[in-house]
Protein backbone atom coordinates (compact mmCIF):
# COMPACT_ATOMS: atom_id res chain seq x y z
CA UNK A 1 -3.15 -20.27 1.15
CA UNK A 2 -3.24 -16.67 0.80
CA UNK A 3 -0.07 -14.71 -0.31
CA UNK A 4 0.29 -11.07 -1.14
CA UNK A 5 3.44 -10.02 -2.65
CA UNK A 6 4.36 -6.14 -2.78
CA UNK A 7 6.77 -4.66 -5.04
CA UNK A 8 7.60 -1.47 -6.53
CA UNK A 9 9.42 0.32 -3.55
CA UNK A 10 12.83 1.93 -4.12
CA UNK A 11 14.75 5.10 -3.26
CA UNK A 12 13.44 8.62 -4.43
CA UNK A 13 14.21 12.02 -4.13
CA UNK A 14 11.70 14.30 -2.14
CA UNK A 15 9.18 15.30 -4.65
CA UNK A 16 9.26 12.27 -6.84
CA UNK A 17 6.93 9.38 -7.70
CA UNK A 18 6.46 5.74 -6.96
CA UNK A 19 3.95 3.03 -7.97
CA UNK A 20 3.39 0.24 -5.57
CA UNK A 21 1.95 -3.03 -6.68
CA UNK A 22 0.24 -5.62 -4.57
CA UNK A 23 -0.10 -9.27 -6.33
CA UNK A 24 -2.63 -11.57 -4.50
CA UNK A 25 -3.46 -15.14 -4.50
CA UNK A 26 -5.44 -17.64 -2.52
CA UNK A 27 -7.84 -14.72 -1.30
CA UNK A 28 -11.32 -13.65 -2.72
CA UNK A 29 -9.37 -10.50 -3.82
CA UNK A 30 -12.58 -8.94 -5.66
CA UNK A 31 -14.82 -8.93 -2.81
CA UNK A 32 -12.70 -7.91 0.07
CA UNK A 33 -11.63 -4.29 1.30
CA UNK A 34 -7.90 -4.06 0.54
CA UNK A 35 -5.63 -1.36 2.24
CA UNK A 36 -2.01 -0.04 2.26
CA UNK A 37 -0.40 -0.09 5.16
CA UNK A 38 3.55 1.34 6.36
CA UNK A 39 5.80 0.84 9.16
CA UNK A 40 8.44 3.18 9.52
CA UNK A 41 11.59 2.23 11.86
CA UNK A 42 10.54 2.33 15.77
CA UNK A 43 6.70 3.12 14.84
CA UNK A 44 3.78 1.15 14.58
CA UNK A 45 2.30 -0.14 11.22
CA UNK A 46 -0.59 2.31 10.13
CA UNK A 47 -2.85 2.37 7.31
CA UNK A 48 -2.59 4.98 4.94
CA UNK A 49 -5.19 4.09 2.12
CA UNK A 50 -8.15 1.77 1.95
CA UNK A 51 -10.22 0.64 -0.96
CA UNK A 52 -13.40 -1.02 -0.99
CA UNK A 53 -14.61 -3.87 -3.49
CA UNK A 54 -16.75 -1.29 -5.30
CA UNK A 55 -13.59 1.12 -5.17
CA UNK A 56 -14.82 3.54 -2.48
CA UNK A 57 -11.31 4.96 -1.26
CA UNK A 58 -10.32 6.38 2.23
CA UNK A 59 -6.86 7.86 3.04
CA UNK A 60 -4.85 9.02 5.68
CA UNK A 61 -4.58 12.73 6.20
CA UNK A 62 -1.01 12.56 5.77
CA UNK A 63 -1.29 11.15 2.43
CA UNK A 64 -4.40 12.72 1.39
CA UNK A 65 -4.26 14.35 -2.21
CA UNK A 66 -0.63 12.65 -2.89
CA UNK A 67 -1.38 8.97 -2.76
CA UNK A 68 -4.14 7.16 -5.08
CA UNK A 69 -4.88 3.73 -4.07
CA UNK A 70 -6.61 1.69 -6.84
CA UNK A 71 -7.59 -2.14 -7.63
CA UNK A 72 -7.65 -4.18 -10.71
CA UNK A 73 -9.92 -6.92 -9.69
CA UNK A 74 -9.48 -9.07 -12.95
CA UNK A 75 -5.73 -9.15 -12.07
CA UNK A 76 -5.89 -9.73 -8.55
CA UNK A 77 -3.91 -6.52 -7.86
CA UNK A 78 -3.79 -3.41 -5.71
CA UNK A 79 -1.87 -0.64 -6.37
CA UNK A 80 -0.60 2.81 -4.88
CA UNK A 81 0.62 5.58 -6.92
CA UNK A 82 2.33 7.88 -4.67
CA UNK A 83 3.42 11.45 -5.81
CA UNK A 84 4.79 14.55 -4.17
CA UNK A 85 6.92 11.79 -1.79
CA UNK A 86 8.08 13.38 1.47
CA UNK A 87 11.42 12.23 3.68
CA UNK A 88 8.81 11.26 6.33
CA UNK A 89 6.86 8.75 3.88
CA UNK A 90 9.91 6.64 4.34
CA UNK A 91 8.53 3.09 5.28
CA UNK A 92 8.24 -0.31 4.39
CA UNK A 93 4.68 -0.41 2.81
CA UNK A 94 2.64 -3.68 2.86
CA UNK A 95 -0.61 -4.38 1.58
CA UNK A 96 -3.37 -6.59 3.42
CA UNK A 97 -7.22 -6.43 3.79
CA UNK A 98 -8.71 -3.84 5.67
CA UNK A 99 -9.22 -4.62 8.51
CA UNK A 100 -5.95 -6.29 8.31
CA UNK A 101 -5.54 -10.24 8.69
CA UNK A 102 -2.51 -11.55 10.80
CA UNK A 103 -1.84 -14.04 8.59
CA UNK A 104 -1.63 -12.47 5.25
CA UNK A 105 1.11 -9.99 6.19
CA UNK A 106 4.20 -10.38 3.37
CA UNK A 107 7.59 -9.00 3.15
CA UNK A 108 6.19 -5.39 2.22
CA UNK A 109 8.82 -3.13 -0.12
CA UNK A 110 11.01 -0.51 1.43
CA UNK A 111 10.12 3.02 0.31
CA UNK A 112 12.99 5.61 0.76
CA UNK A 113 12.86 9.40 0.10
CA UNK A 114 15.92 11.42 0.19
CA UNK A 115 15.70 15.10 1.13
């Protein structure tokens, strides 16, 4: 059974930083493309960053040059370093494969950026 557990969210002031982690189990993590998604209240869940098994990355325009996605295949862990945070980054952040798999969604981790 696949389990993805996100952590590292919190409350931060605008301009601050957070590092999110996603611990994966029950999946072939090392060979699957992975992504970070976010969902703000009343909005759809969107992909913000993705990384292939070989480390090639892609970012949504809204987070480019501020967020960095990385992975440690030995630890089955996905990361998202978020710098220069803005109030509009406030959302619940989730990890999943890219493209996402319906049954893999976890609880997510809340990120709140105050102005």
